[in-house]
């Protein structure tokens, strides 16, 4: 019996030791630092754009077209990207009411013409009687006045008819130049642009089609005020097109906005392209490099938009230190792209957290995804 209890106690001690070892492993595993996604600033994944600005290919000239007469849209002949020529009918609103008004004014013209013809006939006959001294001058004057009134009424009816015919022509929206349809919109509803479709009612003067004229295309970029001096009118710049396998073209600063945008506090700069590359289309993304040493003095880096941490007025990013401890660093936003943001204030080699930034805290220990444990 003593031997039994001896072996039983030994077995229980082994089990307890194994249990303690397992708990220790679980505790150690639970205390491992949080795993985060991060990129190193200046690497290929982060992207560096010293003295460069992203922009979009725009048309130098465009028309915001609207109907001169409101009504219900009955025909839409174009889509986004449609190529059109001057005079092409783009849309039509219901002409029924205007056509009826034209018919009414035509009837008024016919009636006025009949009255004028009668007045002309009377005036001719009484002029002959006056020439034969058969009537007095006062009688002839009465018929002359009647003729003048009939003539004025006829001209008035003609003018009214012409006005209604103009209104009828206004029910068709035509292209004022050769070009490409860049937008088809009947306004904004609940913050979203509403496409102009058949059956919708539009008002006179309401823009429904934006037409970019064929010919000159240019690149539009937004430049922060502290870099505006790098873009004087006439300066030569280099434009790179991502969609054309990074093909480059020479550009010239054509125009600089005199006022900053109220929301972004940046200035619109239009870059003319004397020799645009083949295949360049409206809406393409372009990168403009001004070649300025001043602009290159402070590196600008492109980060994922999710890397920005902002709870107040100053945007920040989480920096992973060499000891894998997090700290916040202020940055200055220069521009926004598609799910990206262009910032200054970082140094090459900084490791920036790119996801889950609002679930982290100052001084927190982390592990970087992809790094060796």
Protein backbone atom coordinates (compact mmCIF):
# COMPACT_ATOMS: atom_id res chain seq x y z
CA UNK A 1 0.00 0.00 0.00
CA UNK A 2 2.82 2.38 0.83
CA UNK A 3 4.40 1.64 -2.54
CA UNK A 4 1.07 2.42 -4.26
CA UNK A 5 0.78 5.85 -2.67
CA UNK A 6 4.44 6.49 -3.40
CA UNK A 7 3.97 5.91 -7.12
CA UNK A 8 0.66 7.80 -7.16
CA UNK A 9 2.22 10.87 -5.55
CA UNK A 10 5.05 10.81 -8.05
CA UNK A 11 2.61 10.63 -10.96
CA UNK A 12 0.59 13.55 -9.61
CA UNK A 13 3.76 15.61 -9.26
CA UNK A 14 4.63 14.97 -12.91
CA UNK A 15 1.12 15.94 -14.05
CA UNK A 16 1.26 19.12 -11.97
CA UNK A 17 4.61 20.03 -13.43
CA UNK A 18 3.31 19.52 -16.97
CA UNK A 19 0.24 21.60 -16.18
CA UNK A 20 2.35 24.43 -14.85
CA UNK A 21 4.54 24.26 -17.94
CA UNK A 22 1.46 24.46 -20.19
CA UNK A 23 0.07 27.42 -18.28
CA UNK A 24 3.39 29.17 -18.53
CA UNK A 25 3.43 28.66 -22.28
CA UNK A 26 -0.14 29.96 -22.57
CA UNK A 27 0.72 33.00 -20.46
CA UNK A 28 3.83 33.65 -22.51
CA UNK A 29 1.82 33.31 -25.74
CA UNK A 30 -0.91 35.64 -24.45
CA UNK A 31 1.64 38.27 -23.58
CA UNK A 32 3.17 38.40 -27.07
CA UNK A 33 3.12 41.92 -28.61
CA UNK A 34 0.36 42.80 -31.08
CA UNK A 35 1.06 42.02 -34.73
CA UNK A 36 0.80 45.08 -37.02
CA UNK A 37 1.15 45.82 -40.72
CA UNK A 38 3.80 48.40 -41.50
CA UNK A 39 5.97 49.74 -44.33
CA UNK A 40 9.34 51.39 -44.31
CA UNK A 41 9.30 54.93 -45.67
CA UNK A 42 11.45 55.23 -48.77
CA UNK A 43 10.99 51.58 -49.74
CA UNK A 44 9.36 50.47 -52.98
CA UNK A 45 6.12 49.75 -51.14
CA UNK A 46 5.93 53.17 -49.54
CA UNK A 47 6.86 55.27 -52.54
CA UNK A 48 8.76 58.55 -52.58
CA UNK A 49 7.79 61.63 -54.54
CA UNK A 50 10.26 64.38 -53.87
CA UNK A 51 9.00 67.46 -55.66
CA UNK A 52 6.23 65.56 -57.48
CA UNK A 53 2.47 66.05 -57.49
CA UNK A 54 -0.30 63.76 -58.67
CA UNK A 55 -2.85 65.17 -61.10
CA UNK A 56 -5.50 64.31 -63.66
CA UNK A 57 -5.79 64.80 -67.40
CA UNK A 58 -8.47 67.42 -68.12
CA UNK A 59 -9.76 69.23 -71.17
CA UNK A 60 -8.56 72.79 -71.53
CA UNK A 61 -11.98 73.88 -72.77
CA UNK A 62 -15.30 72.44 -71.72
CA UNK A 63 -18.96 73.43 -71.93
CA UNK A 64 -21.61 72.92 -69.27
CA UNK A 65 -24.67 72.47 -71.46
CA UNK A 66 -28.25 73.06 -70.35
CA UNK A 67 -31.68 73.30 -71.91
CA UNK A 68 -33.02 76.78 -72.57
CA UNK A 69 -36.51 75.40 -71.99
CA UNK A 70 -37.33 73.08 -69.10
CA UNK A 71 -39.39 69.93 -69.31
CA UNK A 72 -39.39 66.15 -69.10
CA UNK A 73 -36.52 64.37 -70.84
CA UNK A 74 -37.86 62.19 -73.66
CA UNK A 75 -34.62 61.19 -75.39
CA UNK A 76 -31.00 60.77 -74.31
CA UNK A 77 -28.64 60.08 -77.19
CA UNK A 78 -25.26 60.06 -75.44
CA UNK A 79 -23.41 58.23 -72.68
CA UNK A 80 -20.26 59.02 -70.74
CA UNK A 81 -17.34 59.01 -73.14
CA UNK A 82 -19.47 59.46 -76.28
CA UNK A 83 -17.69 61.23 -79.13
CA UNK A 84 -19.90 63.96 -80.59
CA UNK A 85 -19.73 66.63 -83.28
CA UNK A 86 -20.96 70.21 -83.22
CA UNK A 87 -24.71 70.28 -83.85
CA UNK A 88 -25.39 66.71 -82.72
CA UNK A 89 -28.59 66.36 -80.68
CA UNK A 90 -27.60 65.13 -77.22
CA UNK A 91 -30.97 65.17 -75.43
CA UNK A 92 -34.57 66.19 -75.99
CA UNK A 93 -37.27 67.34 -73.60
CA UNK A 94 -40.98 66.89 -74.30
CA UNK A 95 -41.91 69.43 -77.03
CA UNK A 96 -45.67 68.86 -76.85
CA UNK A 97 -46.65 72.02 -74.96
CA UNK A 98 -44.29 74.20 -76.97
CA UNK A 99 -45.50 72.68 -80.24
CA UNK A 100 -49.06 73.52 -79.27
CA UNK A 101 -48.02 77.10 -78.55
CA UNK A 102 -46.38 77.25 -81.99
CA UNK A 103 -49.65 76.13 -83.59
CA UNK A 104 -51.54 78.82 -81.68
CA UNK A 105 -49.17 81.55 -82.78
CA UNK A 106 -49.38 80.28 -86.35
CA UNK A 107 -53.15 80.72 -86.21
CA UNK A 108 -52.65 84.26 -84.92
CA UNK A 109 -50.25 84.96 -87.79
CA UNK A 110 -52.80 83.68 -90.30
CA UNK A 111 -55.54 85.86 -88.80
CA UNK A 112 -53.28 88.91 -88.74
CA UNK A 113 -52.26 88.25 -92.34
CA UNK A 114 -55.92 88.16 -93.40
CA UNK A 115 -56.60 91.46 -91.62
CA UNK A 116 -53.54 93.01 -93.24
CA UNK A 117 -54.62 91.84 -96.67
CA UNK A 118 -58.09 93.33 -96.14
CA UNK A 119 -56.61 96.62 -94.90
CA UNK A 120 -54.28 96.71 -97.90
CA UNK A 121 -57.16 96.14 -100.29
CA UNK A 122 -59.28 98.86 -98.65
CA UNK A 123 -56.39 101.31 -98.66
CA UNK A 124 -55.72 100.69 -102.36
CA UNK A 125 -59.38 101.19 -103.31
CA UNK A 126 -59.81 104.34 -101.27
CA UNK A 127 -56.54 105.73 -102.56
CA UNK A 128 -57.98 105.44 -106.06
CA UNK A 129 -61.17 107.20 -104.93
CA UNK A 130 -59.12 109.94 -103.35
CA UNK A 131 -57.16 110.38 -106.56
CA UNK A 132 -60.48 110.94 -108.36
CA UNK A 133 -61.51 113.50 -105.70
CA UNK A 134 -64.33 111.17 -104.67
CA UNK A 135 -63.39 111.19 -100.96
CA UNK A 136 -61.71 113.59 -98.63
CA UNK A 137 -58.22 113.24 -97.22
CA UNK A 138 -59.60 112.54 -93.74
CA UNK A 139 -61.41 109.44 -95.02
CA UNK A 140 -58.23 108.19 -96.71
CA UNK A 141 -56.33 108.78 -93.47
CA UNK A 142 -58.71 106.44 -91.65
CA UNK A 143 -57.93 103.59 -94.03
CA UNK A 144 -54.23 104.37 -93.88
CA UNK A 145 -54.39 104.12 -90.08
CA UNK A 146 -56.31 100.83 -90.31
CA UNK A 147 -53.63 99.46 -92.62
CA UNK A 148 -50.82 100.58 -90.29
CA UNK A 149 -52.52 98.90 -87.34
CA UNK A 150 -53.05 95.67 -89.28
CA UNK A 151 -49.42 95.71 -90.37
CA UNK A 152 -48.24 96.18 -86.77
CA UNK A 153 -50.48 93.36 -85.54
CA UNK A 154 -49.13 91.08 -88.26
CA UNK A 155 -45.52 91.86 -87.33
CA UNK A 156 -46.35 91.26 -83.67
CA UNK A 157 -47.90 87.89 -84.50
CA UNK A 158 -44.83 86.96 -86.55
CA UNK A 159 -42.53 87.86 -83.65
CA UNK A 160 -44.60 85.77 -81.24
CA UNK A 161 -44.48 82.85 -83.67
CA UNK A 162 -40.70 83.17 -84.02
CA UNK A 163 -40.31 83.21 -80.25
CA UNK A 164 -42.33 80.01 -79.91
CA UNK A 165 -40.39 78.35 -82.71
CA UNK A 166 -37.22 79.28 -80.84
CA UNK A 167 -38.69 77.68 -77.74
CA UNK A 168 -39.39 74.56 -79.78
CA UNK A 169 -35.77 74.42 -80.91
CA UNK A 170 -34.71 74.83 -77.28
CA UNK A 171 -36.28 71.46 -76.47
CA UNK A 172 -33.26 69.91 -78.19
CA UNK A 173 -29.86 70.08 -76.51
CA UNK A 174 -27.11 70.17 -79.12
CA UNK A 175 -23.33 70.01 -78.90
CA UNK A 176 -21.67 73.38 -79.36
CA UNK A 177 -18.36 71.82 -80.45
CA UNK A 178 -16.68 68.55 -81.33
CA UNK A 179 -15.69 66.69 -78.19
CA UNK A 180 -16.26 64.00 -75.58
CA UNK A 181 -19.10 63.71 -73.07
CA UNK A 182 -17.47 63.97 -69.64
CA UNK A 183 -20.59 64.06 -67.44
CA UNK A 184 -24.33 63.53 -67.72
CA UNK A 185 -26.02 64.80 -64.60
CA UNK A 186 -29.31 66.32 -63.52
CA UNK A 187 -27.94 67.73 -60.29
CA UNK A 188 -27.20 66.36 -56.84
CA UNK A 189 -29.58 64.45 -54.62
CA UNK A 190 -28.65 63.65 -51.01
CA UNK A 191 -25.01 64.43 -51.78
CA UNK A 192 -24.87 62.10 -54.80
CA UNK A 193 -24.81 63.19 -58.43
CA UNK A 194 -28.03 62.17 -60.20
CA UNK A 195 -27.71 61.03 -63.79
CA UNK A 196 -30.04 62.72 -66.28
CA UNK A 197 -32.32 59.97 -67.54
CA UNK A 198 -35.40 59.74 -69.74
CA UNK A 199 -38.47 60.69 -67.71
CA UNK A 200 -36.73 63.16 -65.41
CA UNK A 201 -37.86 66.78 -65.34
CA UNK A 202 -35.11 69.37 -65.70
CA UNK A 203 -35.29 73.14 -65.40
CA UNK A 204 -34.15 75.69 -67.93
CA UNK A 205 -30.51 76.58 -67.29
CA UNK A 206 -29.79 73.42 -65.29
CA UNK A 207 -26.54 71.79 -66.44
CA UNK A 208 -27.19 68.26 -67.68
CA UNK A 209 -24.20 67.54 -69.93
CA UNK A 210 -20.53 68.46 -69.64
CA UNK A 211 -18.73 68.44 -72.98
CA UNK A 212 -14.93 68.50 -73.14
CA UNK A 213 -13.86 70.03 -76.43
CA UNK A 214 -11.60 68.09 -78.74
CA UNK A 215 -8.08 69.38 -79.05
CA UNK A 216 -6.00 70.66 -76.18
CA UNK A 217 -5.74 68.43 -73.12
CA UNK A 218 -3.80 69.37 -70.03
CA UNK A 219 -2.90 68.06 -66.59
CA UNK A 220 -4.40 69.63 -63.49
CA UNK A 221 -2.55 69.37 -60.16
CA UNK A 222 -3.16 70.87 -56.73
CA UNK A 223 -0.12 72.48 -55.13
CA UNK A 224 0.21 73.52 -51.45
CA UNK A 225 0.87 77.19 -50.86
CA UNK A 226 4.40 76.62 -49.54
CA UNK A 227 5.35 75.07 -52.90
CA UNK A 228 3.48 77.49 -55.16
CA UNK A 229 6.66 79.43 -55.95
CA UNK A 230 7.98 76.29 -57.67
CA UNK A 231 5.29 76.61 -60.38
CA UNK A 232 5.61 79.99 -62.11
CA UNK A 233 3.71 80.34 -65.38
CA UNK A 234 5.90 79.21 -68.26
CA UNK A 235 8.03 76.80 -66.24
CA UNK A 236 8.95 73.48 -67.88
CA UNK A 237 7.97 70.34 -65.96
CA UNK A 238 8.02 66.59 -66.57
CA UNK A 239 4.72 64.69 -66.66
CA UNK A 240 4.60 60.91 -66.14
CA UNK A 241 1.56 58.78 -67.02
CA UNK A 242 1.10 55.66 -64.91
CA UNK A 243 -1.46 54.10 -67.29
CA UNK A 244 0.97 54.47 -70.23
CA UNK A 245 3.72 52.41 -68.57
CA UNK A 246 5.20 55.53 -66.95
CA UNK A 247 5.68 57.24 -70.30
CA UNK A 248 6.88 60.81 -69.86
CA UNK A 249 6.03 64.03 -71.69
CA UNK A 250 7.24 67.61 -71.46
CA UNK A 251 4.79 70.05 -69.90
CA UNK A 252 4.60 73.80 -69.39
CA UNK A 253 2.83 75.60 -66.55
CA UNK A 254 0.02 77.43 -68.34
CA UNK A 255 -2.12 78.78 -65.53
CA UNK A 256 -2.05 79.10 -61.74
CA UNK A 257 -5.23 79.75 -59.76
CA UNK A 258 -5.16 83.14 -58.00
CA UNK A 259 -6.95 81.76 -54.92
CA UNK A 260 -6.58 78.61 -52.85
CA UNK A 261 -9.34 76.03 -52.66
CA UNK A 262 -11.35 76.71 -49.51
CA UNK A 263 -11.36 73.07 -48.38
CA UNK A 264 -7.89 71.76 -49.29
CA UNK A 265 -6.01 75.10 -49.13
CA UNK A 266 -4.16 74.13 -52.31
CA UNK A 267 -3.81 76.02 -55.58
CA UNK A 268 -4.92 74.59 -58.91
CA UNK A 269 -2.12 74.52 -61.48
CA UNK A 270 -2.82 73.67 -65.13
CA UNK A 271 -0.01 72.07 -67.13
CA UNK A 272 -0.14 72.34 -70.94
CA UNK A 273 1.21 69.44 -73.01
CA UNK A 274 2.63 70.63 -76.35
CA UNK A 275 3.31 67.03 -77.47
CA UNK A 276 1.02 64.69 -75.53
CA UNK A 277 1.81 60.95 -75.67
CA UNK A 278 -0.24 58.61 -77.82
CA UNK A 279 -3.03 56.97 -75.87
CA UNK A 280 -3.47 59.77 -73.35
CA UNK A 281 -7.12 60.07 -72.36
CA UNK A 282 -9.30 62.23 -70.17
CA UNK A 283 -9.21 61.28 -66.51
CA UNK A 284 -5.85 59.52 -66.60
CA UNK A 285 -3.60 59.90 -63.57
CA UNK A 286 -0.40 61.85 -64.12
CA UNK A 287 2.56 62.76 -61.92
CA UNK A 288 4.14 66.18 -62.37
CA UNK A 289 7.78 66.69 -61.35
CA UNK A 290 8.93 70.28 -61.24
CA UNK A 291 12.63 69.48 -60.96
CA UNK A 292 13.04 72.08 -58.23
CA UNK A 293 15.83 71.67 -55.70
CA UNK A 294 13.66 73.56 -53.25
CA UNK A 295 10.83 71.09 -53.68
CA UNK A 296 13.20 68.15 -53.36
CA UNK A 297 14.67 69.48 -50.14
CA UNK A 298 11.87 67.87 -48.13
CA UNK A 299 10.87 64.39 -49.22
CA UNK A 300 7.23 63.72 -49.87
CA UNK A 301 6.07 60.16 -49.27
CA UNK A 302 2.99 58.31 -50.45
CA UNK A 303 1.31 56.21 -47.75
CA UNK A 304 -1.90 54.19 -47.59
CA UNK A 305 -4.74 56.41 -46.42
CA UNK A 306 -5.35 53.97 -43.55
CA UNK A 307 -1.96 54.93 -42.07
CA UNK A 308 -3.23 58.37 -40.99
CA UNK A 309 -4.20 58.69 -37.33
CA UNK A 310 -6.08 61.87 -36.53
CA UNK A 311 -8.10 62.76 -33.46
CA UNK A 312 -7.53 66.52 -33.51
CA UNK A 313 -6.39 69.10 -36.03
CA UNK A 314 -2.99 67.53 -36.74
CA UNK A 315 -2.68 64.29 -38.75
CA UNK A 316 -0.20 61.76 -37.35
CA UNK A 317 1.21 58.31 -38.04
CA UNK A 318 2.42 55.53 -35.77
CA UNK A 319 6.18 54.97 -35.97
CA UNK A 320 7.63 51.60 -34.96
CA UNK A 321 10.90 52.23 -33.13
CA UNK A 322 13.96 50.01 -33.21
CA UNK A 323 12.83 48.53 -29.90
CA UNK A 324 9.42 47.79 -31.49
CA UNK A 325 7.73 50.48 -29.40
CA UNK A 326 5.07 52.72 -30.96
CA UNK A 327 5.20 56.51 -31.00
CA UNK A 328 3.13 59.14 -32.81
CA UNK A 329 4.71 61.50 -35.33
CA UNK A 330 3.09 64.61 -36.85
CA UNK A 331 2.86 64.77 -40.64
CA UNK A 332 1.63 67.35 -43.15
CA UNK A 333 -0.83 66.16 -45.79
CA UNK A 334 0.04 67.46 -49.26
CA UNK A 335 -2.48 65.65 -51.44
CA UNK A 336 -4.91 62.73 -51.59
CA UNK A 337 -5.09 59.95 -54.16
CA UNK A 338 -7.12 56.76 -54.56
CA UNK A 339 -6.82 55.29 -51.03
CA UNK A 340 -3.44 56.99 -50.68
CA UNK A 341 -2.16 60.15 -49.07
CA UNK A 342 0.92 62.22 -49.83
CA UNK A 343 2.68 63.54 -46.72
CA UNK A 344 5.80 65.32 -45.56
CA UNK A 345 7.39 65.25 -42.13
CA UNK A 346 8.81 61.72 -42.27
CA UNK A 347 12.37 60.52 -42.69
CA UNK A 348 13.62 57.78 -44.95
CA UNK A 349 13.72 54.55 -43.00
CA UNK A 350 10.80 55.36 -40.70
CA UNK A 351 8.60 52.29 -40.20
CA UNK A 352 4.94 53.38 -40.41
CA UNK A 353 1.95 51.31 -39.29
CA UNK A 354 -0.58 51.06 -42.13
CA UNK A 355 -3.63 49.36 -40.61
CA UNK A 356 -5.61 49.39 -37.38
CA UNK A 357 -4.07 52.68 -36.29
CA UNK A 358 -7.00 53.65 -34.03
CA UNK A 359 -6.55 50.52 -31.90
CA UNK A 360 -2.96 51.29 -30.87
CA UNK A 361 -1.51 53.30 -28.02
CA UNK A 362 1.62 55.32 -27.28
CA UNK A 363 4.51 53.16 -26.02
CA UNK A 364 2.83 49.89 -27.01
CA UNK A 365 5.09 46.99 -27.96
CA UNK A 366 4.32 45.44 -31.36
CA UNK A 367 5.54 42.88 -33.85
CA UNK A 368 5.76 43.85 -37.53
CA UNK A 369 4.12 41.47 -39.95
CA UNK A 370 6.63 39.80 -42.25
CA UNK A 371 9.64 40.31 -40.00
CA UNK A 372 11.51 37.34 -38.57
CA UNK A 373 10.44 36.51 -35.06
